[in-house]
Amino acid sequence: MSQIVVNHLTFAYEGSFDNIFEDVSFIIDTDWKLGLIGRNGKGKTTFLNLLLGKYPYEGSIRASAVFDYFPYPVTEEQKERPAAEFAEELKGGCELWRVICELELLRESAEILYRPFGTLSPGERTKVLLAVLFSGENDFLLIDEPTNHLDQEARETVKRYLAGKKGFILVSHDRDLLDACVDHVLVLNRQTIEVQSGNFSSWWENKSRRDAFEKAENEKHRKEIGRLREASARTGQWAEKSERSKIGFDPVKDPGHGGRRAYIGEKTRKLQSRVTQMKKRIDREIEEKEGLLVDLEEPADLKLMPLVHHKRVLVNVRDYSLRYADSGKALFTGLTFQIEQGDRAALHGENGCGKSTLIKRILEKAGAGEPLPVRETGVCETASGLVISYVNQDTSQLRGDIPAFCERRNLDRSLFCAILRQLDFDRVQFAKRMEDYSEGQKKKVLLAASLLTPAHLYVWDEPFNYIDVFSRMQIEKLILEYRPTMLFVEHDARFRENVATKIVNL
């Protein structure tokens, strides 16, 4: 057991005017199962890279631990080879028998080590890389979003596996994973950084209580500042009036009023002293008020514009089977379900079972998608005139700048940018080309476009890959408030449980 001591850390990327970290200090223990939490762009992956020594920085990071990072970069050449051949290239000193032992804990056969890495499923690749990562003995492990693109079964396996480990930092936006696997959290708040014992839910509960207290204190300070300012103004007016009443006294011509003038002068001095004291109290109240709510996670409420269709049933699927034209194997067979207005249907199944293909086929039926080279039997039909708002899981098509994107999609640019700002999108990003955005920022672009599009049916295909947990909760709240009709694929179990009104198993 040892410590990682971060002292007065300041860092900004070359050419940037804004610091990612500014004079931050904290201590973490290498025996912890530490969850690293923060909004997109707050510096989670950057901090891991600083621990790895990839960038110069001001301040100090003292650690005796050796760091290792997941996911390992796998080259195109390595993808053509079995992992058993290049495991040691990923992690120096890696012993294959240890990797096999870790794979057993991940409920995976050692056989996958001997197949070309590029032929493995996303879940199998993740398990192999995690097994290599944990095959060492004394490293402190930096694990960056291990469940992206994994189906629910693979996520559950990774969750159980990590829950039995310690000595790592886990970056994840999956609330279930964080709750099951970590015993401390390092939170990159809006203005501050905090380290706390517990998991995500315990931290969020504490934060919610603290935010509620600070909002009450903020309101109390606001009222007190207003009261003091009014009292100060009244007292100042009295003092000014008393001071004016001294003018015109002549002690020679009017000796009888000398004592009164002295009394008025003393009263004026007392009133002016009260004004000075009130101004000091106002300054103190303002100073205390400014220290509140700096990390408040209460973003502006999003809005949605669901349309009402004249038909009750929007999608009807009955005894439906689907396969690609060049494949003899069906993706699924005998599928039956309906989506009625008000339903929020979650498609559920392992990767490769045809969820995205079914979504694209429904889009095609509604006149909102390209033709697919598929063969089908059974019924898959949509209501006439159905308007769909679609979030594609693939962001690679995002090119150019925001004005051009809005023009192509016929979106109001001001409203579109306002939604992005509500999703904590920095204004500086508006001037960049979208191909230079992070994956999380690209997803927010697609989500903002969907939210701005009035529709009968919202179809979202894995909308939350790379999206921070706070934005997920924000969108979850929006859906529960506006209750749109939805068909979606999402492996975030907490979101699915809270939002879905029906599950369609493939």
Protein backbone atom coordinates (compact mmCIF):
# COMPACT_ATOMS: atom_id res chain seq x y z
CA MET A 1 0.00 0.00 0.00
CA SER A 2 1.33 3.45 -0.96
CA GLN A 3 0.03 6.90 -1.75
CA ILE A 4 -0.20 9.06 -4.84
CA VAL A 5 0.30 12.66 -3.73
CA VAL A 6 -0.82 15.40 -6.13
CA ASN A 7 0.44 18.81 -5.07
CA HIS A 8 -0.43 22.16 -6.69
CA LEU A 9 -1.05 20.52 -10.07
CA THR A 10 -1.63 22.92 -12.96
CA PHE A 11 -1.99 21.78 -16.55
CA ALA A 12 -3.19 23.13 -19.90
CA TYR A 13 -2.78 21.67 -23.35
CA GLU A 14 -0.28 23.41 -25.58
CA GLY A 15 -1.91 26.33 -27.36
CA SER A 16 -4.87 26.44 -24.97
CA PHE A 17 -5.64 29.48 -22.84
CA ASP A 18 -7.71 27.49 -20.33
CA ASN A 19 -6.26 25.26 -17.63
CA ILE A 20 -7.67 21.77 -17.30
CA PHE A 21 -6.30 21.68 -13.74
CA GLU A 22 -5.33 24.74 -11.74
CA ASP A 23 -3.41 24.48 -8.47
CA VAL A 24 -5.16 21.29 -7.30
CA SER A 25 -3.91 19.06 -4.50
CA PHE A 26 -5.18 15.73 -3.17
CA ILE A 27 -3.98 12.31 -1.99
CA ILE A 28 -5.19 8.89 -3.10
CA ASP A 29 -4.21 5.41 -1.94
CA THR A 30 -3.01 2.67 -4.29
CA ASP A 31 -5.05 0.12 -2.32
CA TRP A 32 -8.30 1.84 -3.24
CA LYS A 33 -10.88 0.91 -5.87
CA LEU A 34 -11.23 4.50 -7.04
CA GLY A 35 -13.95 5.80 -9.35
CA LEU A 36 -13.00 8.92 -11.35
CA ILE A 37 -16.12 10.98 -12.07
CA GLY A 38 -16.69 14.17 -14.01
CA ARG A 39 -18.46 15.71 -16.97
CA ASN A 40 -17.11 15.32 -20.51
CA GLY A 41 -14.08 17.54 -20.99
CA LYS A 42 -13.27 17.96 -17.29
CA GLY A 43 -9.96 16.10 -17.59
CA LYS A 44 -10.52 12.49 -16.51
CA THR A 45 -8.47 10.87 -19.27
CA THR A 46 -6.04 13.80 -19.12
CA PHE A 47 -5.35 13.04 -15.46
CA LEU A 48 -4.63 9.40 -16.29
CA ASN A 49 -2.19 10.56 -18.97
CA LEU A 50 -0.49 12.88 -16.48
CA LEU A 51 0.00 9.91 -14.15
CA LEU A 52 1.56 8.07 -17.08
CA GLY A 53 3.95 10.98 -17.64
CA LYS A 54 2.70 11.78 -21.14
CA TYR A 55 2.56 15.58 -20.70
CA PRO A 56 4.61 18.20 -18.83
CA TYR A 57 2.81 19.98 -15.99
CA GLU A 58 3.37 22.41 -13.13
CA GLY A 59 3.32 21.17 -9.54
CA SER A 60 4.15 17.62 -8.55
CA ILE A 61 2.77 14.07 -8.65
CA ARG A 62 4.63 11.78 -6.26
CA ALA A 63 4.04 8.04 -6.52
CA SER A 64 6.09 4.90 -6.02
CA ALA A 65 3.55 2.81 -7.94
CA VAL A 66 4.01 1.64 -11.52
CA PHE A 67 1.03 2.61 -13.68
CA ASP A 68 -0.56 0.62 -16.48
CA TYR A 69 -3.42 1.78 -18.72
CA PHE A 70 -6.52 0.20 -20.27
CA PRO A 71 -7.35 -0.01 -23.13
CA TYR A 72 -4.03 -0.99 -24.63
CA PRO A 73 -3.49 0.35 -28.15
CA VAL A 74 -3.68 -2.63 -30.50
CA THR A 75 -2.16 -2.09 -33.95
CA GLU A 76 -3.68 -3.26 -37.22
CA GLU A 77 -0.81 -5.73 -37.54
CA GLN A 78 -1.51 -7.16 -34.08
CA LYS A 79 -5.22 -7.54 -34.88
CA GLU A 80 -4.26 -10.12 -37.49
CA ARG A 81 -2.44 -12.20 -34.86
CA PRO A 82 -3.67 -14.16 -31.82
CA ALA A 83 -3.41 -12.31 -28.50
CA ALA A 84 -1.27 -15.16 -27.16
CA GLU A 85 1.47 -14.00 -29.54
CA PHE A 86 1.50 -10.29 -28.69
CA ALA A 87 0.34 -10.12 -25.04
CA GLU A 88 3.91 -9.44 -23.88
CA GLU A 89 4.16 -6.62 -26.42
CA LEU A 90 1.25 -4.95 -24.63
CA LYS A 91 2.51 -5.57 -21.10
CA GLY A 92 6.18 -6.24 -20.52
CA GLY A 93 6.84 -9.41 -18.51
CA CYS A 94 3.30 -10.69 -19.09
CA GLU A 95 3.05 -14.44 -18.48
CA LEU A 96 0.45 -16.31 -20.49
CA TRP A 97 -0.60 -18.62 -17.67
CA ARG A 98 -1.54 -15.60 -15.56
CA VAL A 99 -3.61 -14.21 -18.45
CA ILE A 100 -5.44 -17.55 -18.71
CA CYS A 101 -6.18 -17.48 -14.97
CA GLU A 102 -7.67 -13.98 -15.31
CA LEU A 103 -9.75 -15.09 -18.29
CA GLU A 104 -11.23 -17.86 -16.16
CA LEU A 105 -12.32 -15.21 -13.65
CA LEU A 106 -13.89 -13.38 -16.59
CA ARG A 107 -15.76 -16.59 -17.48
CA GLU A 108 -14.01 -16.84 -20.83
CA SER A 109 -12.21 -19.75 -22.44
CA ALA A 110 -8.47 -19.53 -23.08
CA GLU A 111 -9.31 -20.52 -26.65
CA ILE A 112 -9.92 -16.87 -27.59
CA LEU A 113 -6.23 -16.14 -27.01
CA TYR A 114 -5.43 -18.26 -30.06
CA ARG A 115 -7.87 -16.66 -32.50
CA PRO A 116 -6.92 -13.56 -34.55
CA PHE A 117 -7.63 -10.62 -32.24
CA GLY A 118 -9.50 -8.73 -34.98
CA THR A 119 -12.08 -11.54 -35.26
CA LEU A 120 -13.10 -11.31 -31.60
CA SER A 121 -16.31 -9.60 -30.49
CA PRO A 122 -16.04 -6.29 -28.56
CA GLY A 123 -16.75 -8.19 -25.33
CA GLU A 124 -14.08 -10.80 -26.04
CA ARG A 125 -11.51 -8.11 -26.87
CA THR A 126 -12.27 -6.27 -23.64
CA LYS A 127 -11.89 -9.46 -21.60
CA VAL A 128 -8.54 -10.31 -23.22
CA LEU A 129 -7.16 -6.83 -22.59
CA LEU A 130 -8.42 -6.80 -18.99
CA ALA A 131 -6.85 -10.23 -18.41
CA VAL A 132 -3.52 -8.94 -19.71
CA LEU A 133 -3.87 -5.79 -17.59
CA PHE A 134 -4.48 -7.70 -14.34
CA SER A 135 -1.86 -10.37 -15.04
CA GLY A 136 0.77 -8.22 -13.27
CA GLU A 137 1.15 -8.16 -9.50
CA ASN A 138 2.12 -4.71 -8.24
CA ASP A 139 0.89 -2.24 -10.85
CA PHE A 140 -1.66 0.47 -10.09
CA LEU A 141 -4.13 0.21 -12.95
CA LEU A 142 -5.78 3.04 -14.87
CA ILE A 143 -8.98 1.71 -16.47
CA ASP A 144 -10.68 4.06 -18.93
CA GLU A 145 -14.32 3.25 -19.80
CA PRO A 146 -14.03 -0.55 -20.07
CA THR A 147 -17.71 -1.20 -20.88
CA ASN A 148 -18.19 1.03 -23.92
CA HIS A 149 -19.79 -0.93 -26.79
CA LEU A 150 -20.39 -3.98 -24.56
CA ASP A 151 -23.78 -5.66 -24.34
CA GLN A 152 -25.49 -6.21 -20.99
CA GLU A 153 -24.16 -9.72 -20.41
CA ALA A 154 -20.56 -8.65 -21.05
CA ARG A 155 -21.04 -5.61 -18.80
CA GLU A 156 -22.27 -7.81 -15.98
CA THR A 157 -19.22 -10.07 -16.36
CA VAL A 158 -16.81 -7.11 -16.30
CA LYS A 159 -18.68 -5.65 -13.31
CA ARG A 160 -18.36 -8.86 -11.28
CA TYR A 161 -14.70 -9.17 -12.26
CA LEU A 162 -13.72 -5.63 -11.26
CA ALA A 163 -15.72 -5.88 -8.04
CA GLY A 164 -13.26 -8.57 -6.93
CA LYS A 165 -10.18 -6.45 -7.69
CA LYS A 166 -8.50 -3.51 -6.01
CA GLY A 167 -5.72 -1.05 -6.72
CA PHE A 168 -7.14 0.84 -9.69
CA ILE A 169 -8.71 4.04 -10.98
CA LEU A 170 -11.88 3.39 -12.96
CA VAL A 171 -13.23 6.00 -15.37
CA SER A 172 -16.84 5.18 -16.18
CA HIS A 173 -20.20 6.86 -16.73
CA ASP A 174 -22.12 3.69 -15.84
CA ARG A 175 -23.76 4.18 -12.44
CA ASP A 176 -24.28 0.45 -11.86
CA LEU A 177 -20.62 -0.29 -12.60
CA LEU A 178 -19.37 2.48 -10.32
CA ASP A 179 -21.68 1.44 -7.48
CA ALA A 180 -20.59 -2.20 -7.69
CA CYS A 181 -16.85 -1.75 -8.17
CA VAL A 182 -15.48 1.27 -6.27
CA ASP A 183 -14.98 2.13 -2.61
CA HIS A 184 -13.76 5.72 -3.12
CA VAL A 185 -14.51 8.44 -5.65
CA LEU A 186 -12.36 11.23 -7.07
CA VAL A 187 -14.76 13.83 -8.45
CA LEU A 188 -13.80 16.56 -10.91
CA ASN A 189 -16.52 19.07 -10.04
CA ARG A 190 -17.26 22.27 -11.93
CA GLN A 191 -14.80 24.30 -9.82
CA THR A 192 -13.26 21.96 -7.25
CA ILE A 193 -11.89 18.44 -6.86
CA GLU A 194 -12.95 16.19 -4.01
CA VAL A 195 -12.01 12.75 -2.73
CA GLN A 196 -14.64 10.83 -0.78
CA SER A 197 -15.12 7.34 0.61
CA GLY A 198 -17.99 5.35 -0.91
CA ASN A 199 -19.40 4.72 -4.38
CA PHE A 200 -21.21 6.93 -6.88
CA SER A 201 -24.65 6.72 -5.26
CA SER A 202 -23.39 7.54 -1.75
CA TRP A 203 -21.42 10.49 -3.14
CA TRP A 204 -24.41 11.70 -5.15
CA GLU A 205 -26.67 11.47 -2.10
CA ASN A 206 -24.18 13.50 -0.05
CA LYS A 207 -23.78 16.00 -2.86
CA SER A 208 -27.53 16.40 -3.28
CA ARG A 209 -27.88 17.14 0.43
CA ARG A 210 -24.98 19.60 0.27
CA ASP A 211 -26.43 21.31 -2.79
CA ALA A 212 -29.83 21.63 -1.08
CA PHE A 213 -28.18 23.13 2.01
CA GLU A 214 -26.13 25.55 -0.10
CA LYS A 215 -29.20 26.63 -2.06
CA ALA A 216 -31.00 27.38 1.21
CA GLU A 217 -27.94 29.24 2.52
CA ASN A 218 -27.65 31.12 -0.77
CA GLU A 219 -31.27 32.25 -0.52
CA LYS A 220 -30.77 33.27 3.11
CA HIS A 221 -27.69 35.32 2.20
CA ARG A 222 -29.53 36.88 -0.75
CA LYS A 223 -32.38 38.03 1.47
CA GLU A 224 -29.98 39.28 4.17
CA ILE A 225 -27.98 41.25 1.61
CA GLY A 226 -31.19 42.86 0.35
CA ARG A 227 -32.34 43.70 3.89
CA LEU A 228 -28.95 45.18 4.81
CA ARG A 229 -28.79 47.25 1.65
CA GLU A 230 -32.24 48.70 2.31
CA ALA A 231 -31.35 49.44 5.95
CA SER A 232 -28.02 50.95 4.89
CA ALA A 233 -29.76 53.21 2.38
CA ARG A 234 -32.31 54.37 4.99
CA THR A 235 -29.63 54.99 7.61
CA GLY A 236 -27.50 56.85 5.06
CA GLN A 237 -30.46 59.08 4.20
CA TRP A 238 -31.04 59.82 7.90
CA ALA A 239 -27.36 60.64 8.37
CA GLU A 240 -27.37 62.95 5.35
CA LYS A 241 -30.53 64.67 6.57
CA SER A 242 -29.05 65.17 10.05
CA GLU A 243 -25.84 66.54 8.57
CA ARG A 244 -27.80 69.05 6.48
CA SER A 245 -29.75 70.19 9.56
CA LYS A 246 -26.48 71.47 11.11
CA ILE A 247 -25.95 73.96 8.29
CA GLY A 248 -26.97 77.56 9.13
CA PHE A 249 -26.30 77.44 12.88
CA ASP A 250 -24.35 80.50 14.16
CA PRO A 251 -23.17 80.02 17.78
CA VAL A 252 -22.73 83.84 18.23
CA LYS A 253 -26.17 84.84 16.92
CA ASP A 254 -27.91 81.76 18.22
CA PRO A 255 -25.99 80.55 21.31
CA GLY A 256 -28.97 78.59 22.60
CA HIS A 257 -28.69 76.05 19.81
CA GLY A 258 -25.05 75.08 20.33
CA GLY A 259 -25.94 72.02 22.40
CA ARG A 260 -28.49 70.91 19.83
CA ARG A 261 -25.90 71.18 17.07
CA ALA A 262 -23.48 69.06 19.07
CA TYR A 263 -26.24 66.49 19.64
CA ILE A 264 -27.03 66.38 15.92
CA GLY A 265 -23.33 66.00 15.10
CA GLU A 266 -23.00 63.07 17.50
CA LYS A 267 -26.15 61.45 16.09
CA THR A 268 -24.81 61.87 12.53
CA ARG A 269 -21.51 60.23 13.48
CA LYS A 270 -23.36 57.27 14.98
CA LEU A 271 -25.55 56.89 11.90
CA GLN A 272 -22.51 57.06 9.60
CA SER A 273 -20.79 54.45 11.77
CA ARG A 274 -23.85 52.21 11.42
CA VAL A 275 -23.74 52.64 7.63
CA THR A 276 -20.06 51.64 7.62
CA GLN A 277 -20.76 48.55 9.74
CA MET A 278 -23.67 47.56 7.50
CA LYS A 279 -21.49 47.86 4.40
CA LYS A 280 -18.93 45.56 6.04
CA ARG A 281 -21.69 43.06 6.87
CA ILE A 282 -22.94 43.25 3.28
CA ASP A 283 -19.42 42.53 2.02
CA ARG A 284 -19.15 39.54 4.37
CA GLU A 285 -22.53 38.19 3.26
CA ILE A 286 -21.56 38.59 -0.41
CA GLU A 287 -18.24 36.84 0.21
CA GLU A 288 -19.96 33.93 1.96
CA LYS A 289 -22.61 33.77 -0.78
CA GLU A 290 -19.96 33.61 -3.51
CA GLY A 291 -18.48 30.52 -1.87
CA LEU A 292 -21.75 28.65 -2.35
CA LEU A 293 -23.07 26.68 -5.32
CA VAL A 294 -19.75 26.70 -7.23
CA ASP A 295 -20.16 22.96 -7.92
CA LEU A 296 -23.95 22.84 -8.20
CA GLU A 297 -25.09 20.16 -10.67
CA GLU A 298 -28.43 21.70 -11.57
CA PRO A 299 -28.30 22.34 -15.33
CA ALA A 300 -31.07 24.15 -17.15
CA ASP A 301 -34.03 21.92 -17.94
CA LEU A 302 -34.04 20.52 -21.46
CA LYS A 303 -37.18 20.51 -23.58
CA LEU A 304 -38.65 18.03 -26.03
CA MET A 305 -41.32 18.42 -28.73
CA PRO A 306 -43.08 15.06 -29.18
CA LEU A 307 -45.82 14.99 -31.81
CA VAL A 308 -49.17 13.24 -31.43
CA HIS A 309 -50.06 10.75 -34.18
CA HIS A 310 -53.61 9.96 -35.24
CA LYS A 311 -52.92 6.21 -34.89
CA ARG A 312 -52.52 4.43 -31.55
CA VAL A 313 -50.03 1.83 -32.85
CA LEU A 314 -46.93 3.39 -34.41
CA VAL A 315 -44.86 0.24 -35.07
CA ASN A 316 -46.25 -3.26 -35.57
CA VAL A 317 -43.88 -6.25 -35.76
CA ARG A 318 -45.37 -9.75 -35.97
CA ASP A 319 -43.64 -13.11 -36.42
CA TYR A 320 -40.76 -11.21 -38.00
CA SER A 321 -37.46 -12.76 -39.12
CA LEU A 322 -34.50 -10.94 -40.63
CA ARG A 323 -31.20 -11.89 -42.21
CA TYR A 324 -28.67 -10.25 -44.48
CA ALA A 325 -29.01 -11.17 -48.14
CA ASP A 326 -25.53 -12.70 -48.30
CA SER A 327 -25.97 -14.74 -45.11
CA GLY A 328 -27.79 -17.98 -44.57
CA LYS A 329 -28.14 -17.31 -40.84
CA ALA A 330 -31.02 -15.26 -39.47
CA LEU A 331 -30.27 -12.41 -37.09
CA PHE A 332 -33.50 -13.26 -35.27
CA THR A 333 -36.72 -15.14 -35.96
CA GLY A 334 -40.35 -14.95 -34.86
CA LEU A 335 -40.08 -11.48 -33.32
CA THR A 336 -43.41 -9.94 -32.26
CA PHE A 337 -44.05 -6.59 -30.54
CA GLN A 338 -45.91 -3.30 -30.94
CA ILE A 339 -45.01 0.27 -30.07
CA GLU A 340 -48.03 2.31 -29.08
CA GLN A 341 -48.07 6.02 -28.37
CA GLY A 342 -46.52 6.61 -24.95
CA ASP A 343 -44.44 3.42 -25.01
CA ARG A 344 -40.71 3.59 -24.36
CA ALA A 345 -39.46 0.27 -25.71
CA ALA A 346 -35.90 -0.91 -25.03
CA LEU A 347 -34.40 -3.41 -27.46
CA HIS A 348 -32.34 -5.90 -25.48
CA GLY A 349 -29.94 -8.60 -26.62
CA GLU A 350 -26.29 -9.50 -27.01
CA ASN A 351 -24.07 -7.72 -29.52
CA GLY A 352 -24.65 -8.99 -33.05
CA CYS A 353 -28.23 -10.15 -32.49
CA GLY A 354 -29.65 -7.56 -34.92
CA LYS A 355 -30.79 -4.63 -32.75
CA SER A 356 -29.27 -1.92 -34.95
CA THR A 357 -30.34 -3.71 -38.13
CA LEU A 358 -33.94 -3.84 -36.88
CA ILE A 359 -33.82 -0.12 -36.08
CA LYS A 360 -32.53 0.68 -39.57
CA ARG A 361 -35.24 -1.50 -41.11
CA ILE A 362 -37.93 0.39 -39.16
CA LEU A 363 -36.41 3.68 -40.32
CA GLU A 364 -36.52 2.42 -43.90
CA LYS A 365 -40.18 1.39 -43.54
CA ALA A 366 -41.00 4.92 -42.31
CA GLY A 367 -39.14 6.51 -45.23
CA ALA A 368 -36.34 7.80 -42.98
CA GLY A 369 -33.53 5.41 -43.85
CA GLU A 370 -31.52 3.89 -46.67
CA PRO A 371 -32.46 0.48 -48.17
CA LEU A 372 -30.73 -2.48 -46.53
CA PRO A 373 -29.54 -5.66 -48.31
CA VAL A 374 -31.71 -7.93 -46.18
CA ARG A 375 -34.26 -10.72 -46.52
CA GLU A 376 -37.31 -10.75 -44.26
CA THR A 377 -40.40 -12.76 -43.45
CA GLY A 378 -43.37 -11.78 -41.33
CA VAL A 379 -44.68 -8.27 -40.69
CA CYS A 380 -42.77 -5.08 -39.91
CA GLU A 381 -44.86 -1.96 -40.55
CA THR A 382 -45.06 1.63 -39.38
CA ALA A 383 -47.99 4.04 -39.18
CA SER A 384 -48.47 6.25 -42.24
CA GLY A 385 -46.90 9.70 -41.96
CA LEU A 386 -44.74 8.63 -39.01
CA VAL A 387 -42.06 11.23 -38.16
CA ILE A 388 -38.94 9.78 -36.53
CA SER A 389 -36.09 11.53 -34.71
CA TYR A 390 -33.03 9.27 -34.87
CA VAL A 391 -29.74 9.07 -32.95
CA ASN A 392 -27.25 6.84 -34.73
CA GLN A 393 -24.70 4.95 -32.65
CA ASP A 394 -22.11 5.75 -35.36
CA THR A 395 -20.63 9.26 -35.15
CA SER A 396 -18.12 8.90 -37.99
CA GLN A 397 -20.42 10.78 -40.39
CA LEU A 398 -20.04 14.04 -38.44
CA ARG A 399 -17.97 16.42 -40.55
CA GLY A 400 -17.66 20.17 -40.96
CA ASP A 401 -18.82 22.90 -38.61
CA ILE A 402 -22.00 23.49 -36.65
CA PRO A 403 -23.57 26.02 -39.07
CA ALA A 404 -23.26 23.55 -41.97
CA PHE A 405 -24.63 20.71 -39.80
CA CYS A 406 -27.66 22.79 -38.79
CA GLU A 407 -28.31 23.79 -42.39
CA ARG A 408 -28.22 20.16 -43.57
CA ARG A 409 -30.60 19.10 -40.79
CA ASN A 410 -32.82 22.19 -41.09
CA LEU A 411 -32.17 23.04 -37.43
CA ASP A 412 -32.36 26.45 -35.78
CA ARG A 413 -28.69 27.12 -35.02
CA SER A 414 -29.33 29.32 -31.97
CA LEU A 415 -31.62 26.75 -30.37
CA PHE A 416 -29.24 23.93 -31.29
CA CYS A 417 -26.28 25.69 -29.63
CA ALA A 418 -28.45 26.50 -26.61
CA ILE A 419 -29.22 22.80 -26.13
CA LEU A 420 -25.53 21.94 -26.42
CA ARG A 421 -24.76 24.57 -23.77
CA GLN A 422 -27.41 22.99 -21.53
CA LEU A 423 -25.54 19.70 -22.01
CA ASP A 424 -22.41 21.45 -20.67
CA PHE A 425 -20.85 21.95 -24.10
CA ASP A 426 -18.14 24.62 -23.93
CA ARG A 427 -18.65 27.62 -26.21
CA VAL A 428 -15.10 27.30 -27.53
CA GLN A 429 -16.15 24.02 -29.20
CA PHE A 430 -18.60 25.86 -31.46
CA ALA A 431 -15.73 27.22 -33.55
CA LYS A 432 -14.16 23.78 -34.13
CA ARG A 433 -14.85 21.23 -36.83
CA MET A 434 -16.94 18.31 -35.63
CA GLU A 435 -14.43 15.67 -36.74
CA ASP A 436 -12.11 17.14 -34.08
CA TYR A 437 -14.66 16.67 -31.29
CA SER A 438 -14.28 13.98 -28.66
CA GLU A 439 -16.61 10.99 -28.91
CA GLY A 440 -18.68 12.35 -26.03
CA GLN A 441 -19.04 15.72 -27.76
CA LYS A 442 -20.08 14.02 -31.02
CA LYS A 443 -22.78 12.08 -29.18
CA LYS A 444 -24.06 15.31 -27.64
CA VAL A 445 -24.32 16.83 -31.13
CA LEU A 446 -26.53 13.93 -32.27
CA LEU A 447 -28.62 14.05 -29.10
CA ALA A 448 -29.11 17.83 -29.35
CA ALA A 449 -30.26 17.45 -32.97
CA SER A 450 -32.75 14.76 -31.93
CA LEU A 451 -34.10 16.79 -29.02
CA LEU A 452 -34.65 19.75 -31.34
CA THR A 453 -36.56 17.64 -33.89
CA PRO A 454 -40.33 17.29 -33.30
CA ALA A 455 -41.28 13.65 -33.83
CA HIS A 456 -43.90 10.98 -33.21
CA LEU A 457 -41.20 8.42 -32.39
CA TYR A 458 -37.69 8.93 -30.99
CA VAL A 459 -35.34 6.15 -32.08
CA TRP A 460 -32.00 6.15 -30.24
CA ASP A 461 -29.30 3.55 -30.93
CA GLU A 462 -26.80 3.47 -28.03
CA PRO A 463 -27.05 7.23 -27.42
CA PHE A 464 -24.95 7.27 -24.25
CA ASN A 465 -21.61 5.79 -25.29
CA TYR A 466 -18.99 8.27 -23.95
CA ILE A 467 -21.68 10.55 -22.46
CA ASP A 468 -20.98 11.66 -18.88
CA VAL A 469 -23.19 10.47 -16.05
CA PHE A 470 -24.61 13.94 -15.30
CA SER A 471 -25.83 14.40 -18.88
CA ARG A 472 -27.35 10.91 -18.75
CA MET A 473 -29.31 11.83 -15.63
CA GLN A 474 -30.31 15.13 -17.21
CA ILE A 475 -31.74 13.40 -20.30
CA GLU A 476 -33.37 10.74 -18.14
CA LYS A 477 -35.21 13.48 -16.25
CA LEU A 478 -36.29 15.05 -19.55
CA ILE A 479 -37.76 11.80 -20.85
CA LEU A 480 -39.67 11.11 -17.65
CA GLU A 481 -41.09 14.64 -17.77
CA TYR A 482 -42.15 14.78 -21.45
CA ARG A 483 -42.91 11.05 -21.90
CA PRO A 484 -42.13 10.75 -25.62
CA THR A 485 -42.75 7.54 -27.54
CA MET A 486 -39.38 5.83 -27.91
CA LEU A 487 -37.56 2.83 -29.31
CA PHE A 488 -34.01 2.64 -28.02
CA VAL A 489 -30.95 0.50 -27.47
CA GLU A 490 -28.96 1.38 -24.36
CA HIS A 491 -26.73 -0.83 -22.24
CA ASP A 492 -26.75 1.54 -19.25
CA ALA A 493 -28.88 -0.65 -16.96
CA ARG A 494 -29.85 2.21 -14.62
CA PHE A 495 -31.16 4.34 -17.49
CA ARG A 496 -33.03 1.42 -19.04
CA GLU A 497 -34.66 0.46 -15.74
CA ASN A 498 -35.75 4.04 -15.05
CA VAL A 499 -36.99 4.92 -18.53
CA ALA A 500 -38.26 1.82 -20.36
CA THR A 501 -41.94 0.89 -20.15
CA LYS A 502 -41.37 -2.37 -22.04
CA ILE A 503 -38.42 -4.59 -22.99
CA VAL A 504 -38.19 -6.24 -26.42
CA ASN A 505 -35.82 -9.21 -26.24
CA LEU A 506 -34.06 -10.32 -29.40
